[in-house]
C-alpha atoms as a PDB file:
ATOM      1  CA  UNK A   1       0.000   0.000   0.000  1.00  0.00           C
ATOM      2  CA  UNK A   2       1.535   3.323  -1.072  1.00  0.00           C
ATOM      3  CA  UNK A   3      -0.301   5.430   1.521  1.00  0.00           C
ATOM      4  CA  UNK A   4      -2.646   5.341   4.505  1.00  0.00           C
ATOM      5  CA  UNK A   5      -5.457   7.893   4.846  1.00  0.00           C
ATOM      6  CA  UNK A   6      -5.613   9.684   8.216  1.00  0.00           C
ATOM      7  CA  UNK A   7      -8.013  12.280   9.616  1.00  0.00           C
ATOM      8  CA  UNK A   8      -6.733  15.328  11.485  1.00  0.00           C
ATOM      9  CA  UNK A   9      -9.108  18.128  12.484  1.00  0.00           C
ATOM     10  CA  UNK A  10     -11.598  16.858   9.928  1.00  0.00           C
ATOM     11  CA  UNK A  11      -9.052  16.884   7.091  1.00  0.00           C
ATOM     12  CA  UNK A  12      -8.041  13.742   5.216  1.00  0.00           C
ATOM     13  CA  UNK A  13      -4.290  13.471   4.759  1.00  0.00           C
ATOM     14  CA  UNK A  14      -2.297  10.608   3.305  1.00  0.00           C
ATOM     15  CA  UNK A  15       0.772   9.201   5.062  1.00  0.00           C
ATOM     16  CA  UNK A  16       2.939   7.920   2.239  1.00  0.00           C
ATOM     17  CA  UNK A  17       5.197   4.872   2.368  1.00  0.00           C
ATOM     18  CA  UNK A  18       8.050   7.178   1.339  1.00  0.00           C
ATOM     19  CA  UNK A  19       7.698   9.280   4.510  1.00  0.00           C
ATOM     20  CA  UNK A  20       6.014  12.171   2.683  1.00  0.00           C
ATOM     21  CA  UNK A  21       2.574  13.512   3.617  1.00  0.00           C
ATOM     22  CA  UNK A  22      -0.013  14.488   1.004  1.00  0.00           C
ATOM     23  CA  UNK A  23      -3.137  16.588   1.579  1.00  0.00           C
ATOM     24  CA  UNK A  24      -5.285  15.962  -1.501  1.00  0.00           C
ATOM     25  CA  UNK A  25      -7.938  18.631  -0.845  1.00  0.00           C
ATOM     26  CA  UNK A  26      -5.268  21.353  -0.865  1.00  0.00           C
ATOM     27  CA  UNK A  27      -2.765  19.619  -3.189  1.00  0.00           C
ATOM     28  CA  UNK A  28      -0.063  19.994  -0.536  1.00  0.00           C
ATOM     29  CA  UNK A  29       2.972  17.714  -0.333  1.00  0.00           C
ATOM     30  CA  UNK A  30       4.965  17.914   2.896  1.00  0.00           C
ATOM     31  CA  UNK A  31       8.348  16.379   3.710  1.00  0.00           C
ATOM     32  CA  UNK A  32      10.375  16.855   6.876  1.00  0.00           C
ATOM     33  CA  UNK A  33      14.015  16.647   7.934  1.00  0.00           C
ATOM     34  CA  UNK A  34      15.744  16.156   4.590  1.00  0.00           C
ATOM     35  CA  UNK A  35      19.102  16.861   6.298  1.00  0.00           C
ATOM     36  CA  UNK A  36      20.821  17.445   2.968  1.00  0.00           C
ATOM     37  CA  UNK A  37      24.605  17.686   3.346  1.00  0.00           C
ATOM     38  CA  UNK A  38      24.785  15.433   6.404  1.00  0.00           C
ATOM     39  CA  UNK A  39      27.750  13.402   5.182  1.00  0.00           C
ATOM     40  CA  UNK A  40      29.606  16.607   4.240  1.00  0.00           C
ATOM     41  CA  UNK A  41      28.944  18.128   7.659  1.00  0.00           C
ATOM     42  CA  UNK A  42      30.155  15.002   9.481  1.00  0.00           C
ATOM     43  CA  UNK A  43      33.349  14.937   7.395  1.00  0.00           C
ATOM     44  CA  UNK A  44      33.872  18.679   7.912  1.00  0.00           C
ATOM     45  CA  UNK A  45      33.700  18.204  11.670  1.00  0.00           C
ATOM     46  CA  UNK A  46      36.178  15.330  11.628  1.00  0.00           C
ATOM     47  CA  UNK A  47      33.678  12.511  12.064  1.00  0.00           C
ATOM     48  CA  UNK A  48      33.442   9.139  10.367  1.00  0.00           C
ATOM     49  CA  UNK A  49      33.526   9.297   6.585  1.00  0.00           C
ATOM     50  CA  UNK A  50      30.293   8.006   5.086  1.00  0.00           C
ATOM     51  CA  UNK A  51      29.433   7.780   1.378  1.00  0.00           C
ATOM     52  CA  UNK A  52      28.287  11.218   0.177  1.00  0.00           C
ATOM     53  CA  UNK A  53      25.299   9.927  -1.774  1.00  0.00           C
ATOM     54  CA  UNK A  54      22.453  10.970   0.493  1.00  0.00           C
ATOM     55  CA  UNK A  55      21.680  14.178  -1.401  1.00  0.00           C
ATOM     56  CA  UNK A  56      21.138  12.292  -4.644  1.00  0.00           C
ATOM     57  CA  UNK A  57      19.025   9.605  -2.989  1.00  0.00           C
ATOM     58  CA  UNK A  58      16.903  12.079  -1.014  1.00  0.00           C
ATOM     59  CA  UNK A  59      16.307  14.387  -3.977  1.00  0.00           C
ATOM     60  CA  UNK A  60      15.444  11.461  -6.250  1.00  0.00           C
ATOM     61  CA  UNK A  61      12.846  10.135  -3.806  1.00  0.00           C
ATOM     62  CA  UNK A  62      11.387  13.635  -3.457  1.00  0.00           C
ATOM     63  CA  UNK A  63      11.230  13.973  -7.235  1.00  0.00           C
ATOM     64  CA  UNK A  64       9.437  10.624  -7.433  1.00  0.00           C
ATOM     65  CA  UNK A  65       6.771  11.888  -5.022  1.00  0.00           C
ATOM     66  CA  UNK A  66       6.357  15.150  -6.940  1.00  0.00           C
ATOM     67  CA  UNK A  67       5.954  13.284 -10.224  1.00  0.00           C
ATOM     68  CA  UNK A  68       3.425  10.894  -8.696  1.00  0.00           C
ATOM     69  CA  UNK A  69       1.283  13.563  -7.016  1.00  0.00           C
ATOM     70  CA  UNK A  70       1.805  16.828  -8.982  1.00  0.00           C
ATOM     71  CA  UNK A  71       1.322  19.016  -5.862  1.00  0.00           C
ATOM     72  CA  UNK A  72       0.482  22.703  -6.084  1.00  0.00           C
ATOM     73  CA  UNK A  73       2.384  23.404  -2.842  1.00  0.00           C
ATOM     74  CA  UNK A  74       5.469  21.732  -1.363  1.00  0.00           C
ATOM     75  CA  UNK A  75       6.351  22.275   2.307  1.00  0.00           C
ATOM     76  CA  UNK A  76       9.804  21.361   3.599  1.00  0.00           C
ATOM     77  CA  UNK A  77       9.144  21.120   7.324  1.00  0.00           C
ATOM     78  CA  UNK A  78      12.496  22.215   8.708  1.00  0.00           C
ATOM     79  CA  UNK A  79      16.022  20.798   8.959  1.00  0.00           C
ATOM     80  CA  UNK A  80      16.121  20.612   5.198  1.00  0.00           C
ATOM     81  CA  UNK A  81      19.921  20.954   5.539  1.00  0.00           C
ATOM     82  CA  UNK A  82      22.147  19.513   8.229  1.00  0.00           C
ATOM     83  CA  UNK A  83      23.435  23.013   8.979  1.00  0.00           C
ATOM     84  CA  UNK A  84      23.664  26.350   7.181  1.00  0.00           C
ATOM     85  CA  UNK A  85      27.138  25.575   5.838  1.00  0.00           C
ATOM     86  CA  UNK A  86      25.713  22.479   4.155  1.00  0.00           C
ATOM     87  CA  UNK A  87      23.765  24.690   1.762  1.00  0.00           C
ATOM     88  CA  UNK A  88      27.123  25.883   0.422  1.00  0.00           C
ATOM     89  CA  UNK A  89      28.333  22.327  -0.128  1.00  0.00           C
ATOM     90  CA  UNK A  90      25.686  21.499  -2.726  1.00  0.00           C
ATOM     91  CA  UNK A  91      27.019  20.775  -6.173  1.00  0.00           C
ATOM     92  CA  UNK A  92      25.777  22.718  -9.169  1.00  0.00           C
ATOM     93  CA  UNK A  93      23.872  19.620 -10.238  1.00  0.00           C
ATOM     94  CA  UNK A  94      22.114  19.485  -6.868  1.00  0.00           C
ATOM     95  CA  UNK A  95      21.193  23.176  -6.769  1.00  0.00           C
ATOM     96  CA  UNK A  96      19.863  22.945 -10.325  1.00  0.00           C
ATOM     97  CA  UNK A  97      17.907  19.853  -9.282  1.00  0.00           C
ATOM     98  CA  UNK A  98      16.210  21.738  -6.428  1.00  0.00           C
ATOM     99  CA  UNK A  99      15.399  24.584  -8.832  1.00  0.00           C
ATOM    100  CA  UNK A 100      13.741  22.123 -11.218  1.00  0.00           C
ATOM    101  CA  UNK A 101      11.715  20.601  -8.388  1.00  0.00           C
ATOM    102  CA  UNK A 102      10.430  24.060  -7.442  1.00  0.00           C
ATOM    103  CA  UNK A 103       9.193  24.835 -10.946  1.00  0.00           C
ATOM    104  CA  UNK A 104       5.424  25.187 -11.283  1.00  0.00           C
ATOM    105  CA  UNK A 105       4.586  24.994  -7.586  1.00  0.00           C
ATOM    106  CA  UNK A 106       4.654  27.064  -4.415  1.00  0.00           C
ATOM    107  CA  UNK A 107       7.688  25.981  -2.379  1.00  0.00           C
ATOM    108  CA  UNK A 108       7.818  26.799   1.330  1.00  0.00           C
ATOM    109  CA  UNK A 109      10.826  26.274   3.611  1.00  0.00           C
ATOM    110  CA  UNK A 110       9.831  26.008   7.287  1.00  0.00           C
ATOM    111  CA  UNK A 111      12.654  27.024   9.603  1.00  0.00           C
ATOM    112  CA  UNK A 112      14.320  24.216  11.549  1.00  0.00           C
ATOM    113  CA  UNK A 113      16.751  24.098  14.435  1.00  0.00           C
ATOM    114  CA  UNK A 114      19.599  22.962  12.150  1.00  0.00           C
ATOM    115  CA  UNK A 115      18.879  25.466   9.395  1.00  0.00           C
ATOM    116  CA  UNK A 116      17.010  28.730  10.127  1.00  0.00           C
ATOM    117  CA  UNK A 117      16.372  28.962   6.356  1.00  0.00           C
ATOM    118  CA  UNK A 118      18.244  28.352   3.102  1.00  0.00           C
ATOM    119  CA  UNK A 119      18.546  31.916   1.860  1.00  0.00           C
ATOM    120  CA  UNK A 120      19.464  31.507  -1.787  1.00  0.00           C
ATOM    121  CA  UNK A 121      17.571  28.490  -3.085  1.00  0.00           C
ATOM    122  CA  UNK A 122      14.236  30.011  -4.063  1.00  0.00           C
ATOM    123  CA  UNK A 123      10.890  29.521  -2.387  1.00  0.00           C
ATOM    124  CA  UNK A 124       9.565  31.382   0.646  1.00  0.00           C
ATOM    125  CA  UNK A 125      10.589  31.060   4.294  1.00  0.00           C
ATOM    126  CA  UNK A 126       8.237  30.724   7.262  1.00  0.00           C
ATOM    127  CA  UNK A 127       8.616  29.927  10.949  1.00  0.00           C
ATOM    128  CA  UNK A 128       5.160  28.330  10.991  1.00  0.00           C
ATOM    129  CA  UNK A 129       2.417  27.996   8.417  1.00  0.00           C
ATOM    130  CA  UNK A 130      -1.319  27.621   8.918  1.00  0.00           C
ATOM    131  CA  UNK A 131      -3.495  26.338   6.088  1.00  0.00           C
ATOM    132  CA  UNK A 132      -7.142  25.907   7.002  1.00  0.00           C
ATOM    133  CA  UNK A 133      -7.396  23.769  10.120  1.00  0.00           C
ATOM    134  CA  UNK A 134      -3.798  22.545  10.001  1.00  0.00           C
ATOM    135  CA  UNK A 135      -0.626  24.175  11.347  1.00  0.00           C
ATOM    136  CA  UNK A 136       2.816  23.236  10.028  1.00  0.00           C
ATOM    137  CA  UNK A 137       5.927  23.821  12.166  1.00  0.00           C
ATOM    138  CA  UNK A 138       9.234  22.099  12.739  1.00  0.00           C
ATOM    139  CA  UNK A 139       9.002  21.310  16.472  1.00  0.00           C
ATOM    140  CA  UNK A 140       5.677  20.456  18.101  1.00  0.00           C
ATOM    141  CA  UNK A 141       4.531  22.929  20.736  1.00  0.00           C
ATOM    142  CA  UNK A 142       2.314  20.345  22.446  1.00  0.00           C
ATOM    143  CA  UNK A 143      -0.622  22.765  22.589  1.00  0.00           C
ATOM    144  CA  UNK A 144      -1.819  23.378  19.037  1.00  0.00           C
ATOM    145  CA  UNK A 145      -4.455  21.045  17.636  1.00  0.00           C
ATOM    146  CA  UNK A 146      -4.238  20.116  13.995  1.00  0.00           C
ATOM    147  CA  UNK A 147      -0.470  20.406  14.252  1.00  0.00           C
ATOM    148  CA  UNK A 148       1.927  18.725  11.807  1.00  0.00           C
ATOM    149  CA  UNK A 149       5.594  18.784  12.793  1.00  0.00           C
ATOM    150  CA  UNK A 150       8.885  16.919  12.414  1.00  0.00           C
ATOM    151  CA  UNK A 151      12.205  17.198  14.288  1.00  0.00           C
ATOM    152  CA  UNK A 152      12.076  13.994  16.356  1.00  0.00           C
ATOM    153  CA  UNK A 153      12.476  11.412  13.540  1.00  0.00           C
ATOM    154  CA  UNK A 154      10.041   8.928  15.188  1.00  0.00           C
ATOM    155  CA  UNK A 155      10.776   5.240  14.811  1.00  0.00           C
ATOM    156  CA  UNK A 156       8.601   2.293  15.887  1.00  0.00           C
ATOM    157  CA  UNK A 157       8.838  -1.498  15.927  1.00  0.00           C
ATOM    158  CA  UNK A 158       6.254  -4.190  15.395  1.00  0.00           C
ATOM    159  CA  UNK A 159       6.435  -7.865  16.177  1.00  0.00           C
ATOM    160  CA  UNK A 160       5.379 -10.114  13.306  1.00  0.00           C
ATOM    161  CA  UNK A 161       5.086 -13.884  13.458  1.00  0.00           C
ATOM    162  CA  UNK A 162       8.685 -14.300  12.371  1.00  0.00           C
ATOM    163  CA  UNK A 163      10.579 -11.167  13.365  1.00  0.00           C
ATOM    164  CA  UNK A 164      10.573  -7.650  14.735  1.00  0.00           C
ATOM    165  CA  UNK A 165      10.384  -4.908  12.125  1.00  0.00           C
ATOM    166  CA  UNK A 166      11.720  -1.446  13.038  1.00  0.00           C
ATOM    167  CA  UNK A 167      11.117   1.493  10.732  1.00  0.00           C
ATOM    168  CA  UNK A 168      10.707   5.247  10.595  1.00  0.00           C
ATOM    169  CA  UNK A 169       7.083   6.163  11.174  1.00  0.00           C
ATOM    170  CA  UNK A 170       4.392   8.794  11.325  1.00  0.00           C
ATOM    171  CA  UNK A 171       3.231   9.222  14.932  1.00  0.00           C
ATOM    172  CA  UNK A 172      -0.219  10.722  15.475  1.00  0.00           C
ATOM    173  CA  UNK A 173      -3.434  10.946  17.459  1.00  0.00           C
ATOM    174  CA  UNK A 174      -6.612  12.970  16.959  1.00  0.00           C
ATOM    175  CA  UNK A 175      -4.838  16.276  17.687  1.00  0.00           C
ATOM    176  CA  UNK A 176      -1.388  16.218  16.089  1.00  0.00           C
ATOM    177  CA  UNK A 177       1.020  14.346  13.858  1.00  0.00           C
ATOM    178  CA  UNK A 178       4.805  14.057  13.890  1.00  0.00           C
ATOM    179  CA  UNK A 179       6.405  13.133  10.599  1.00  0.00           C
ATOM    180  CA  UNK A 180       9.310  10.770   9.959  1.00  0.00           C
ATOM    181  CA  UNK A 181      12.565  12.132   8.612  1.00  0.00           C
ATOM    182  CA  UNK A 182      12.587  12.004   4.816  1.00  0.00           C
ATOM    183  CA  UNK A 183      16.366  12.289   4.499  1.00  0.00           C
ATOM    184  CA  UNK A 184      18.482   9.236   3.761  1.00  0.00           C
ATOM    185  CA  UNK A 185      21.016   9.608   6.630  1.00  0.00           C
ATOM    186  CA  UNK A 186      18.880  10.573   9.619  1.00  0.00           C
ATOM    187  CA  UNK A 187      18.466   7.903  12.299  1.00  0.00           C
ATOM    188  CA  UNK A 188      15.427   7.894  14.566  1.00  0.00           C
ATOM    189  CA  UNK A 189      13.972   8.271  18.060  1.00  0.00           C
ATOM    190  CA  UNK A 190      12.042   5.411  19.647  1.00  0.00           C
ATOM    191  CA  UNK A 191       8.367   6.144  20.212  1.00  0.00           C
ATOM    192  CA  UNK A 192       8.786   4.792  23.757  1.00  0.00           C
ATOM    193  CA  UNK A 193      11.235   7.573  24.665  1.00  0.00           C
ATOM    194  CA  UNK A 194      10.257  11.018  25.993  1.00  0.00           C
ATOM    195  CA  UNK A 195       9.138  13.411  24.797  1.00  0.00           C
ATOM    196  CA  UNK A 196       7.403  11.232  22.196  1.00  0.00           C
ATOM    197  CA  UNK A 197       6.067   8.871  24.848  1.00  0.00           C
ATOM    198  CA  UNK A 198       4.422  11.737  26.752  1.00  0.00           C
ATOM    199  CA  UNK A 199       3.029  13.796  23.873  1.00  0.00           C
ATOM    200  CA  UNK A 200       0.307  11.437  22.681  1.00  0.00           C
ATOM    201  CA  UNK A 201      -2.824   9.921  24.180  1.00  0.00           C
ATOM    202  CA  UNK A 202      -4.008   6.333  24.381  1.00  0.00           C
ATOM    203  CA  UNK A 203      -5.487   6.585  20.909  1.00  0.00           C
ATOM    204  CA  UNK A 204      -2.070   7.204  19.335  1.00  0.00           C
ATOM    205  CA  UNK A 205      -1.169   5.253  16.225  1.00  0.00           C
ATOM    206  CA  UNK A 206       1.759   4.940  13.859  1.00  0.00           C
ATOM    207  CA  UNK A 207       2.153   4.408  10.134  1.00  0.00           C
ATOM    208  CA  UNK A 208       5.364   2.574   9.312  1.00  0.00           C
ATOM    209  CA  UNK A 209       7.205   3.657   6.181  1.00  0.00           C
ATOM    210  CA  UNK A 210       9.188   1.521   3.762  1.00  0.00           C
ATOM    211  CA  UNK A 211       8.097  -0.559   0.790  1.00  0.00           C
ATOM    212  CA  UNK A 212       4.504  -0.146   1.960  1.00  0.00           C
ATOM    213  CA  UNK A 213       2.668   2.048   4.457  1.00  0.00           C
ATOM    214  CA  UNK A 214       1.171   0.102   7.366  1.00  0.00           C
ATOM    215  CA  UNK A 215      -0.924   1.480  10.221  1.00  0.00           C
ATOM    216  CA  UNK A 216      -0.787   0.147  13.804  1.00  0.00           C
ATOM    217  CA  UNK A 217      -1.928   1.121  17.285  1.00  0.00           C
ATOM    218  CA  UNK A 218       0.940   2.496  19.339  1.00  0.00           C
ATOM    219  CA  UNK A 219      -0.119   0.916  22.633  1.00  0.00           C
ATOM    220  CA  UNK A 220      -0.275  -2.907  22.731  1.00  0.00           C
ATOM    221  CA  UNK A 221      -3.288  -2.789  25.092  1.00  0.00           C
ATOM    222  CA  UNK A 222      -5.388  -1.464  22.210  1.00  0.00           C
ATOM    223  CA  UNK A 223      -4.515  -4.380  19.965  1.00  0.00           C
ATOM    224  CA  UNK A 224      -7.367  -6.460  18.676  1.00  0.00           C
ATOM    225  CA  UNK A 225      -6.738  -8.690  15.644  1.00  0.00           C
ATOM    226  CA  UNK A 226      -4.061  -6.443  14.178  1.00  0.00           C
ATOM    227  CA  UNK A 227      -0.466  -6.118  15.422  1.00  0.00           C
ATOM    228  CA  UNK A 228       0.417  -3.044  17.455  1.00  0.00           C
ATOM    229  CA  UNK A 229       3.549  -0.939  17.405  1.00  0.00           C
ATOM    230  CA  UNK A 230       5.992  -2.127  20.045  1.00  0.00           C
ATOM    231  CA  UNK A 231       6.848   0.316  22.830  1.00  0.00           C
ATOM    232  CA  UNK A 232      10.408  -1.015  22.678  1.00  0.00           C
ATOM    233  CA  UNK A 233      10.794   0.171  19.062  1.00  0.00           C
END
């Protein structure tokens, strides 16, 4: 299944297997935490050398989503770059690629904690953005209903008959949703760890990303005939 339909403040939004979010009624595509330039930043700071292919992989997957959905608006929900210096490390091919992706749509960069805003890559810059009943920001404030945010890179595990599967996930309840990181080199935070474990009610659910999108209850006590997301994930 390529996506799972969710309801937030009366709006139907689709959690995609890729980790992107699509709002059909408004033709809005949202991705969070691209962290472009992560391998360059780690090398620059003297860390372990990792293959510098994440920009290509991340941009290709984003292009695939844009081609599949033809959105009118694209929201990058913060931490689009691993730091401000990473915007300067992009190759000409990569900057041209981003320019092509922006063509024909409204492109909005939401400020993150790693990157206040890429200043010379087109699009508009916002700290938060409200569209209808939904509010988009990088870090959840824990108070706003209809809130869509990123930052925490949630990750959950489920126990199947043969093994435990651990993947990046959407984490949500009836009031808010936290998106998975879309970037290739990003890691994740277990849904059992605070603050994720304290931000959501008993009705919280997850949608695991990967080859297919799969929806599960977060708390095992709610499980009926379907598997629930493990708290140890």
